[in-house]
Amino acid sequence: MGELTSKMVAAANASDWEQLQALELEVTAHVAVLKATEGTVRLEGEQRARKASLIKQMLDDDRKVRDLITPWMAQLAKLINSTGTERRLVNAYGGV
């Protein structure tokens, strides 16, 4: 999953939203598997530290992705609202 979240950051940096979505689906599938097997494996020492390090990396990657997509999402919302307003005006006053 650490590799996938790093790839998600790269996709977001490249504004490759389709790739980002595909990677997000892969991460979701991995999370489902981990949840299903949670508690069946007991980690000790170095393995536990590695798990904590990976979780921190994934959380950092998630923050980076959110920081990159937030402006894009705001722009998209603005475009959608603008289109909706335009449609309502056309419906109210007819085409020019």
Protein backbone atom coordinates (compact mmCIF):
# COMPACT_ATOMS: atom_id res chain seq x y z
CA MET A 1 0.00 0.00 0.00
CA GLY A 2 2.93 2.32 0.61
CA GLU A 3 3.91 2.04 -3.04
CA LEU A 4 0.35 2.73 -4.13
CA THR A 5 0.03 5.87 -2.03
CA SER A 6 3.34 7.14 -3.41
CA LYS A 7 2.00 6.53 -6.92
CA MET A 8 -1.14 8.43 -5.94
CA VAL A 9 0.98 11.46 -5.02
CA ALA A 10 2.74 11.24 -8.40
CA ALA A 11 -0.59 10.97 -10.24
CA ALA A 12 -1.99 13.97 -8.36
CA ASN A 13 1.19 15.96 -9.11
CA ALA A 14 0.69 15.15 -12.80
CA SER A 15 -3.05 15.99 -12.61
CA ASP A 16 -3.71 12.44 -13.84
CA TRP A 17 -7.10 12.13 -12.19
CA GLU A 18 -8.00 8.85 -13.92
CA GLN A 19 -4.81 7.19 -12.68
CA LEU A 20 -5.40 8.63 -9.22
CA GLN A 21 -8.88 7.14 -9.17
CA ALA A 22 -7.61 3.74 -10.32
CA LEU A 23 -4.94 3.75 -7.62
CA GLU A 24 -7.51 4.77 -5.02
CA LEU A 25 -9.59 1.73 -5.96
CA GLU A 26 -6.53 -0.49 -5.53
CA VAL A 27 -5.85 0.99 -2.09
CA THR A 28 -9.48 0.44 -1.12
CA ALA A 29 -9.20 -3.22 -2.12
CA HIS A 30 -6.03 -3.61 -0.05
CA VAL A 31 -7.69 -1.97 2.94
CA ALA A 32 -10.58 -4.43 2.70
CA VAL A 33 -8.16 -7.37 2.74
CA LEU A 34 -6.27 -5.92 5.69
CA LYS A 35 -9.48 -5.37 7.63
CA ALA A 36 -10.57 -8.95 6.94
CA THR A 37 -7.28 -10.35 8.22
CA GLU A 38 -6.80 -7.87 11.06
CA GLY A 39 -5.82 -9.57 14.27
CA THR A 40 -4.67 -12.80 12.62
CA VAL A 41 -1.04 -11.68 12.42
CA ARG A 42 0.87 -10.50 15.46
CA LEU A 43 3.81 -8.20 14.74
CA GLU A 44 6.74 -7.76 17.09
CA GLY A 45 9.78 -5.51 17.28
CA GLU A 46 11.16 -4.52 13.89
CA GLN A 47 8.02 -5.60 12.01
CA ARG A 48 5.87 -3.45 14.26
CA ALA A 49 8.20 -0.46 13.77
CA ARG A 50 8.12 -1.00 9.99
CA LYS A 51 4.31 -1.07 10.07
CA ALA A 52 4.24 2.21 12.01
CA SER A 53 6.67 3.78 9.55
CA LEU A 54 4.56 2.67 6.58
CA ILE A 55 1.40 4.02 8.17
CA LYS A 56 3.10 7.40 8.74
CA GLN A 57 4.25 7.43 5.10
CA MET A 58 0.75 6.61 3.86
CA LEU A 59 -0.79 9.32 6.02
CA ASP A 60 1.78 11.82 4.72
CA ASP A 61 1.05 10.74 1.13
CA ASP A 62 -2.68 11.11 1.79
CA ARG A 63 -2.12 14.66 3.05
CA LYS A 64 -0.05 15.48 -0.04
CA VAL A 65 -2.75 14.13 -2.35
CA ARG A 66 -5.44 16.12 -0.53
CA ASP A 67 -3.31 19.27 -0.75
CA LEU A 68 -2.95 18.73 -4.49
CA ILE A 69 -6.58 17.90 -5.27
CA THR A 70 -8.24 20.52 -3.08
CA PRO A 71 -7.65 23.41 -5.54
CA TRP A 72 -8.76 21.20 -8.45
CA MET A 73 -11.92 20.19 -6.58
CA ALA A 74 -12.69 23.85 -5.81
CA GLN A 75 -12.23 24.74 -9.48
CA LEU A 76 -14.46 21.84 -10.52
CA ALA A 77 -17.16 22.87 -8.02
CA LYS A 78 -16.99 26.44 -9.34
CA LEU A 79 -17.35 25.19 -12.93
CA ILE A 80 -20.30 22.97 -12.00
CA ASN A 81 -22.02 25.82 -10.14
CA SER A 82 -21.40 28.16 -13.08
CA THR A 83 -22.89 25.65 -15.51
CA GLY A 84 -25.90 25.15 -13.24
CA THR A 85 -26.44 28.91 -13.00
CA GLU A 86 -26.15 29.25 -16.77
CA ARG A 87 -28.69 26.45 -17.27
CA ARG A 88 -31.15 28.08 -14.85
CA LEU A 89 -30.81 31.43 -16.66
CA VAL A 90 -31.44 29.80 -20.03
CA ASN A 91 -34.48 28.02 -18.61
CA ALA A 92 -35.79 31.21 -17.04
CA TYR A 93 -35.14 33.64 -19.89
CA GLY A 94 -34.69 31.46 -22.96
CA GLY A 95 -31.74 31.24 -25.32
CA VAL A 96 -30.23 34.33 -26.87
